[in-house]
């Protein structure tokens, strides 16, 4: 599994985040997060090699556009 794609899950609703992460893991992806906010997502991007992000657009009143624009 070391060669699997690293996916950052950005979701502020815990149940959706955990379900999404579980589905991705079952498909063989390495899950980074889930991150419940933009700040946490950006921190995870800085700390980990992230290949792709799967962001929820609305996170507790903020948008995740900064995550989409970020490059690891």
PDB file of N, CA and C in Angstrom:
ATOM      1  N   UNK A   1       0.816  -1.201   0.000  1.00  0.00           N
ATOM      2  CA  UNK A   1       0.000   0.000   0.000  1.00  0.00           C
ATOM      3  C   UNK A   1       0.858   1.262   0.000  1.00  0.00           C
ATOM      4  N   UNK A   2       2.162   1.127   0.034  1.00  0.00           N
ATOM      5  CA  UNK A   2       3.026   2.297   0.053  1.00  0.00           C
ATOM      6  C   UNK A   2       2.960   3.088  -1.248  1.00  0.00           C
ATOM      7  N   UNK A   3       2.544   2.459  -2.332  1.00  0.00           N
ATOM      8  CA  UNK A   3       2.442   3.140  -3.615  1.00  0.00           C
ATOM      9  C   UNK A   3       1.058   3.713  -3.867  1.00  0.00           C
ATOM     10  N   UNK A   4       0.158   3.635  -2.895  1.00  0.00           N
ATOM     11  CA  UNK A   4      -1.204   4.099  -3.119  1.00  0.00           C
ATOM     12  C   UNK A   4      -1.276   5.625  -3.124  1.00  0.00           C
ATOM     13  N   UNK A   5      -2.258   6.122  -3.821  1.00  0.00           N
ATOM     14  CA  UNK A   5      -2.500   7.554  -3.909  1.00  0.00           C
ATOM     15  C   UNK A   5      -2.882   8.085  -2.531  1.00  0.00           C
ATOM     16  N   UNK A   6      -2.299   9.230  -2.151  1.00  0.00           N
ATOM     17  CA  UNK A   6      -2.586   9.855  -0.849  1.00  0.00           C
ATOM     18  C   UNK A   6      -3.665  10.920  -1.041  1.00  0.00           C
ATOM     19  N   UNK A   7      -4.821  10.697  -0.418  1.00  0.00           N
ATOM     20  CA  UNK A   7      -5.987  11.556  -0.598  1.00  0.00           C
ATOM     21  C   UNK A   7      -6.282  12.303   0.698  1.00  0.00           C
ATOM     22  N   UNK A   8      -6.323  13.612   0.612  1.00  0.00           N
ATOM     23  CA  UNK A   8      -6.708  14.447   1.751  1.00  0.00           C
ATOM     24  C   UNK A   8      -8.221  14.625   1.721  1.00  0.00           C
ATOM     25  N   UNK A   9      -8.884  14.188   2.781  1.00  0.00           N
ATOM     26  CA  UNK A   9     -10.336  14.365   2.911  1.00  0.00           C
ATOM     27  C   UNK A   9     -10.575  15.607   3.762  1.00  0.00           C
ATOM     28  N   UNK A  10     -11.301  16.566   3.217  1.00  0.00           N
ATOM     29  CA  UNK A  10     -11.624  17.812   3.914  1.00  0.00           C
ATOM     30  C   UNK A  10     -13.138  17.872   4.053  1.00  0.00           C
ATOM     31  N   UNK A  11     -13.610  17.653   5.266  1.00  0.00           N
ATOM     32  CA  UNK A  11     -15.062  17.570   5.524  1.00  0.00           C
ATOM     33  C   UNK A  11     -15.308  17.945   6.973  1.00  0.00           C
ATOM     34  N   UNK A  12     -16.277  18.833   7.200  1.00  0.00           N
ATOM     35  CA  UNK A  12     -16.562  19.280   8.564  1.00  0.00           C
ATOM     36  C   UNK A  12     -17.637  18.454   9.272  1.00  0.00           C
ATOM     37  N   UNK A  13     -18.307  17.584   8.584  1.00  0.00           N
ATOM     38  CA  UNK A  13     -19.292  16.710   9.227  1.00  0.00           C
ATOM     39  C   UNK A  13     -18.640  15.359   9.484  1.00  0.00           C
ATOM     40  N   UNK A  14     -18.503  15.012  10.754  1.00  0.00           N
ATOM     41  CA  UNK A  14     -17.730  13.853  11.171  1.00  0.00           C
ATOM     42  C   UNK A  14     -18.179  12.560  10.489  1.00  0.00           C
ATOM     43  N   UNK A  15     -19.455  12.287  10.469  1.00  0.00           N
ATOM     44  CA  UNK A  15     -19.945  11.026   9.907  1.00  0.00           C
ATOM     45  C   UNK A  15     -19.643  10.920   8.408  1.00  0.00           C
ATOM     46  N   UNK A  16     -19.842  11.999   7.684  1.00  0.00           N
ATOM     47  CA  UNK A  16     -19.531  12.007   6.251  1.00  0.00           C
ATOM     48  C   UNK A  16     -18.033  11.825   6.042  1.00  0.00           C
ATOM     49  N   UNK A  17     -17.227  12.516   6.844  1.00  0.00           N
ATOM     50  CA  UNK A  17     -15.774  12.408   6.727  1.00  0.00           C
ATOM     51  C   UNK A  17     -15.302  10.981   6.974  1.00  0.00           C
ATOM     52  N   UNK A  18     -15.803  10.364   8.026  1.00  0.00           N
ATOM     53  CA  UNK A  18     -15.387   8.995   8.353  1.00  0.00           C
ATOM     54  C   UNK A  18     -15.866   7.994   7.308  1.00  0.00           C
ATOM     55  N   UNK A  19     -17.067   8.172   6.801  1.00  0.00           N
ATOM     56  CA  UNK A  19     -17.587   7.278   5.763  1.00  0.00           C
ATOM     57  C   UNK A  19     -16.781   7.414   4.470  1.00  0.00           C
ATOM     58  N   UNK A  20     -16.488   8.649   4.087  1.00  0.00           N
ATOM     59  CA  UNK A  20     -15.681   8.887   2.886  1.00  0.00           C
ATOM     60  C   UNK A  20     -14.294   8.282   3.039  1.00  0.00           C
ATOM     61  N   UNK A  21     -13.675   8.507   4.193  1.00  0.00           N
ATOM     62  CA  UNK A  21     -12.337   7.962   4.450  1.00  0.00           C
ATOM     63  C   UNK A  21     -12.352   6.440   4.414  1.00  0.00           C
ATOM     64  N   UNK A  22     -13.364   5.821   5.005  1.00  0.00           N
ATOM     65  CA  UNK A  22     -13.465   4.360   5.016  1.00  0.00           C
ATOM     66  C   UNK A  22     -13.617   3.811   3.594  1.00  0.00           C
ATOM     67  N   UNK A  23     -14.430   4.465   2.784  1.00  0.00           N
ATOM     68  CA  UNK A  23     -14.607   4.028   1.389  1.00  0.00           C
ATOM     69  C   UNK A  23     -13.302   4.142   0.611  1.00  0.00           C
ATOM     70  N   UNK A  24     -12.589   5.238   0.800  1.00  0.00           N
ATOM     71  CA  UNK A  24     -11.318   5.417   0.105  1.00  0.00           C
ATOM     72  C   UNK A  24     -10.290   4.373   0.534  1.00  0.00           C
ATOM     73  N   UNK A  25     -10.234   4.106   1.844  1.00  0.00           N
ATOM     74  CA  UNK A  25      -9.307   3.078   2.340  1.00  0.00           C
ATOM     75  C   UNK A  25      -9.648   1.706   1.766  1.00  0.00           C
ATOM     76  N   UNK A  26     -10.934   1.399   1.685  1.00  0.00           N
ATOM     77  CA  UNK A  26     -11.371   0.111   1.139  1.00  0.00           C
ATOM     78  C   UNK A  26     -10.971  -0.034  -0.332  1.00  0.00           C
ATOM     79  N   UNK A  27     -10.848   1.083  -1.027  1.00  0.00           N
ATOM     80  CA  UNK A  27     -10.432   1.071  -2.425  1.00  0.00           C
ATOM     81  C   UNK A  27      -8.910   1.072  -2.579  1.00  0.00           C
ATOM     82  N   UNK A  28      -8.209   1.121  -1.446  1.00  0.00           N
ATOM     83  CA  UNK A  28      -6.754   1.045  -1.481  1.00  0.00           C
ATOM     84  C   UNK A  28      -6.014   2.364  -1.419  1.00  0.00           C
ATOM     85  N   UNK A  29      -6.730   3.457  -1.201  1.00  0.00           N
ATOM     86  CA  UNK A  29      -6.080   4.756  -1.099  1.00  0.00           C
ATOM     87  C   UNK A  29      -5.581   4.992   0.318  1.00  0.00           C
ATOM     88  N   UNK A  30      -4.536   5.789   0.452  1.00  0.00           N
ATOM     89  CA  UNK A  30      -4.055   6.209   1.758  1.00  0.00           C
ATOM     90  C   UNK A  30      -4.750   7.528   2.081  1.00  0.00           C
ATOM     91  N   UNK A  31      -5.450   7.582   3.201  1.00  0.00           N
ATOM     92  CA  UNK A  31      -6.227   8.767   3.558  1.00  0.00           C
ATOM     93  C   UNK A  31      -5.423   9.643   4.508  1.00  0.00           C
ATOM     94  N   UNK A  32      -5.362  10.921   4.176  1.00  0.00           N
ATOM     95  CA  UNK A  32      -4.779  11.933   5.044  1.00  0.00           C
ATOM     96  C   UNK A  32      -5.957  12.703   5.627  1.00  0.00           C
ATOM     97  N   UNK A  33      -5.992  12.840   6.926  1.00  0.00           N
ATOM     98  CA  UNK A  33      -7.119  13.500   7.592  1.00  0.00           C
ATOM     99  C   UNK A  33      -8.090  12.475   8.126  1.00  0.00           C
ATOM    100  N   UNK A  34      -9.329  12.794   8.153  1.00  0.00           N
ATOM    101  CA  UNK A  34     -10.044  13.938   7.610  1.00  0.00           C
ATOM    102  C   UNK A  34      -9.712  15.248   8.340  1.00  0.00           C
ATOM    103  N   UNK A  35      -9.804  16.324   7.586  1.00  0.00           N
ATOM    104  CA  UNK A  35      -9.580  17.664   8.112  1.00  0.00           C
ATOM    105  C   UNK A  35     -10.925  18.385   8.199  1.00  0.00           C
ATOM    106  N   UNK A  36     -11.287  18.890   9.381  1.00  0.00           N
ATOM    107  CA  UNK A  36     -12.580  19.551   9.538  1.00  0.00           C
ATOM    108  C   UNK A  36     -12.590  21.042   9.192  1.00  0.00           C
ATOM    109  N   UNK A  37     -11.421  21.609   8.867  1.00  0.00           N
ATOM    110  CA  UNK A  37     -11.353  23.041   8.570  1.00  0.00           C
ATOM    111  C   UNK A  37     -10.245  23.312   7.562  1.00  0.00           C
ATOM    112  N   UNK A  38     -10.269  24.508   7.004  1.00  0.00           N
ATOM    113  CA  UNK A  38      -9.240  24.912   6.053  1.00  0.00           C
ATOM    114  C   UNK A  38      -7.880  24.951   6.739  1.00  0.00           C
ATOM    115  N   UNK A  39      -7.831  25.485   7.950  1.00  0.00           N
ATOM    116  CA  UNK A  39      -6.554  25.580   8.672  1.00  0.00           C
ATOM    117  C   UNK A  39      -5.929  24.204   8.875  1.00  0.00           C
ATOM    118  N   UNK A  40      -6.725  23.235   9.288  1.00  0.00           N
ATOM    119  CA  UNK A  40      -6.208  21.879   9.497  1.00  0.00           C
ATOM    120  C   UNK A  40      -5.793  21.266   8.164  1.00  0.00           C
ATOM    121  N   UNK A  41      -6.583  21.472   7.131  1.00  0.00           N
ATOM    122  CA  UNK A  41      -6.257  20.924   5.813  1.00  0.00           C
ATOM    123  C   UNK A  41      -4.931  21.479   5.301  1.00  0.00           C
ATOM    124  N   UNK A  42      -4.732  22.789   5.430  1.00  0.00           N
ATOM    125  CA  UNK A  42      -3.482  23.391   4.971  1.00  0.00           C
ATOM    126  C   UNK A  42      -2.295  22.887   5.790  1.00  0.00           C
ATOM    127  N   UNK A  43      -2.492  22.690   7.087  1.00  0.00           N
ATOM    128  CA  UNK A  43      -1.439  22.138   7.933  1.00  0.00           C
ATOM    129  C   UNK A  43      -1.086  20.721   7.485  1.00  0.00           C
ATOM    130  N   UNK A  44      -2.105  19.902   7.209  1.00  0.00           N
ATOM    131  CA  UNK A  44      -1.865  18.529   6.758  1.00  0.00           C
ATOM    132  C   UNK A  44      -1.135  18.511   5.412  1.00  0.00           C
ATOM    133  N   UNK A  45      -1.463  19.433   4.538  1.00  0.00           N
ATOM    134  CA  UNK A  45      -0.776  19.520   3.253  1.00  0.00           C
ATOM    135  C   UNK A  45       0.701  19.840   3.462  1.00  0.00           C
ATOM    136  N   UNK A  46       0.983  20.726   4.408  1.00  0.00           N
ATOM    137  CA  UNK A  46       2.377  21.072   4.716  1.00  0.00           C
ATOM    138  C   UNK A  46       3.127  19.906   5.353  1.00  0.00           C
ATOM    139  N   UNK A  47       2.437  19.084   6.133  1.00  0.00           N
ATOM    140  CA  UNK A  47       3.073  18.012   6.889  1.00  0.00           C
ATOM    141  C   UNK A  47       3.175  16.683   6.138  1.00  0.00           C
ATOM    142  N   UNK A  48       2.362  16.481   5.130  1.00  0.00           N
ATOM    143  CA  UNK A  48       2.287  15.194   4.434  1.00  0.00           C
ATOM    144  C   UNK A  48       2.397  15.392   2.929  1.00  0.00           C
ATOM    145  N   UNK A  49       2.830  14.366   2.254  1.00  0.00           N
ATOM    146  CA  UNK A  49       2.759  14.359   0.790  1.00  0.00           C
ATOM    147  C   UNK A  49       1.334  14.015   0.401  1.00  0.00           C
ATOM    148  N   UNK A  50       0.625  14.981  -0.131  1.00  0.00           N
ATOM    149  CA  UNK A  50      -0.759  14.783  -0.544  1.00  0.00           C
ATOM    150  C   UNK A  50      -0.788  14.779  -2.070  1.00  0.00           C
ATOM    151  N   UNK A  51      -1.367  13.740  -2.639  1.00  0.00           N
ATOM    152  CA  UNK A  51      -1.474  13.656  -4.099  1.00  0.00           C
ATOM    153  C   UNK A  51      -2.715  14.368  -4.620  1.00  0.00           C
ATOM    154  N   UNK A  52      -3.803  14.265  -3.867  1.00  0.00           N
ATOM    155  CA  UNK A  52      -5.071  14.851  -4.299  1.00  0.00           C
ATOM    156  C   UNK A  52      -5.899  15.177  -3.058  1.00  0.00           C
ATOM    157  N   UNK A  53      -6.714  16.232  -3.170  1.00  0.00           N
ATOM    158  CA  UNK A  53      -7.605  16.603  -2.070  1.00  0.00           C
ATOM    159  C   UNK A  53      -9.053  16.410  -2.514  1.00  0.00           C
ATOM    160  N   UNK A  54      -9.868  15.986  -1.579  1.00  0.00           N
ATOM    161  CA  UNK A  54     -11.298  15.836  -1.804  1.00  0.00           C
ATOM    162  C   UNK A  54     -11.998  16.770  -0.809  1.00  0.00           C
ATOM    163  N   UNK A  55     -12.145  18.050  -1.185  1.00  0.00           N
ATOM    164  CA  UNK A  55     -12.676  19.023  -0.231  1.00  0.00           C
ATOM    165  C   UNK A  55     -14.190  19.216  -0.316  1.00  0.00           C
ATOM    166  N   UNK A  56     -14.800  19.349   0.843  1.00  0.00           N
ATOM    167  CA  UNK A  56     -16.164  19.859   0.942  1.00  0.00           C
ATOM    168  C   UNK A  56     -16.035  21.361   0.698  1.00  0.00           C
ATOM    169  N   UNK A  57     -16.914  21.943  -0.086  1.00  0.00           N
ATOM    170  CA  UNK A  57     -16.774  23.359  -0.426  1.00  0.00           C
ATOM    171  C   UNK A  57     -17.079  24.265   0.766  1.00  0.00           C
ATOM    172  N   UNK A  58     -18.147  23.991   1.507  1.00  0.00           N
ATOM    173  CA  UNK A  58     -18.530  24.816   2.650  1.00  0.00           C
ATOM    174  C   UNK A  58     -18.107  24.138   3.948  1.00  0.00           C
ATOM    175  N   UNK A  59     -17.257  24.801   4.714  1.00  0.00           N
ATOM    176  CA  UNK A  59     -16.768  24.272   5.990  1.00  0.00           C
ATOM    177  C   UNK A  59     -17.059  25.281   7.091  1.00  0.00           C
ATOM    178  N   UNK A  60     -18.073  25.038   7.880  1.00  0.00           N
ATOM    179  CA  UNK A  60     -18.403  25.935   8.994  1.00  0.00           C
ATOM    180  C   UNK A  60     -18.369  27.405   8.596  1.00  0.00           C
ATOM    181  N   UNK A  61     -18.979  27.733   7.490  1.00  0.00           N
ATOM    182  CA  UNK A  61     -19.074  29.128   7.085  1.00  0.00           C
ATOM    183  C   UNK A  61     -17.899  29.642   6.272  1.00  0.00           C
ATOM    184  N   UNK A  62     -16.885  28.847   6.040  1.00  0.00           N
ATOM    185  CA  UNK A  62     -15.782  29.260   5.181  1.00  0.00           C
ATOM    186  C   UNK A  62     -15.742  28.332   3.972  1.00  0.00           C
ATOM    187  N   UNK A  63     -15.099  28.763   2.913  1.00  0.00           N
ATOM    188  CA  UNK A  63     -14.978  27.900   1.741  1.00  0.00           C
ATOM    189  C   UNK A  63     -13.604  27.234   1.745  1.00  0.00           C
ATOM    190  N   UNK A  64     -13.510  26.118   1.067  1.00  0.00           N
ATOM    191  CA  UNK A  64     -12.252  25.380   1.014  1.00  0.00           C
ATOM    192  C   UNK A  64     -11.446  25.709  -0.244  1.00  0.00           C
ATOM    193  N   UNK A  65     -11.710  26.846  -0.848  1.00  0.00           N
ATOM    194  CA  UNK A  65     -10.985  27.224  -2.063  1.00  0.00           C
ATOM    195  C   UNK A  65      -9.480  27.338  -1.827  1.00  0.00           C
ATOM    196  N   UNK A  66      -9.063  27.745  -0.644  1.00  0.00           N
ATOM    197  CA  UNK A  66      -7.624  27.819  -0.330  1.00  0.00           C
ATOM    198  C   UNK A  66      -6.978  26.449  -0.392  1.00  0.00           C
ATOM    199  N   UNK A  67      -7.738  25.408  -0.033  1.00  0.00           N
ATOM    200  CA  UNK A  67      -7.227  24.046  -0.105  1.00  0.00           C
ATOM    201  C   UNK A  67      -7.085  23.635  -1.568  1.00  0.00           C
ATOM    202  N   UNK A  68      -8.068  23.971  -2.367  1.00  0.00           N
ATOM    203  CA  UNK A  68      -8.024  23.629  -3.786  1.00  0.00           C
ATOM    204  C   UNK A  68      -6.863  24.336  -4.501  1.00  0.00           C
ATOM    205  N   UNK A  69      -6.538  25.526  -4.059  1.00  0.00           N
ATOM    206  CA  UNK A  69      -5.452  26.286  -4.679  1.00  0.00           C
ATOM    207  C   UNK A  69      -4.075  25.876  -4.171  1.00  0.00           C
ATOM    208  N   UNK A  70      -4.036  25.205  -3.045  1.00  0.00           N
ATOM    209  CA  UNK A  70      -2.763  24.852  -2.406  1.00  0.00           C
ATOM    210  C   UNK A  70      -2.018  23.797  -3.205  1.00  0.00           C
ATOM    211  N   UNK A  71      -0.726  23.875  -3.156  1.00  0.00           N
ATOM    212  CA  UNK A  71       0.138  22.863  -3.781  1.00  0.00           C
ATOM    213  C   UNK A  71       1.050  22.312  -2.716  1.00  0.00           C
ATOM    214  N   UNK A  72       1.188  20.977  -2.704  1.00  0.00           N
ATOM    215  CA  UNK A  72       2.071  20.381  -1.706  1.00  0.00           C
ATOM    216  C   UNK A  72       3.475  20.258  -2.241  1.00  0.00           C
TER     217      UNK A  72
END
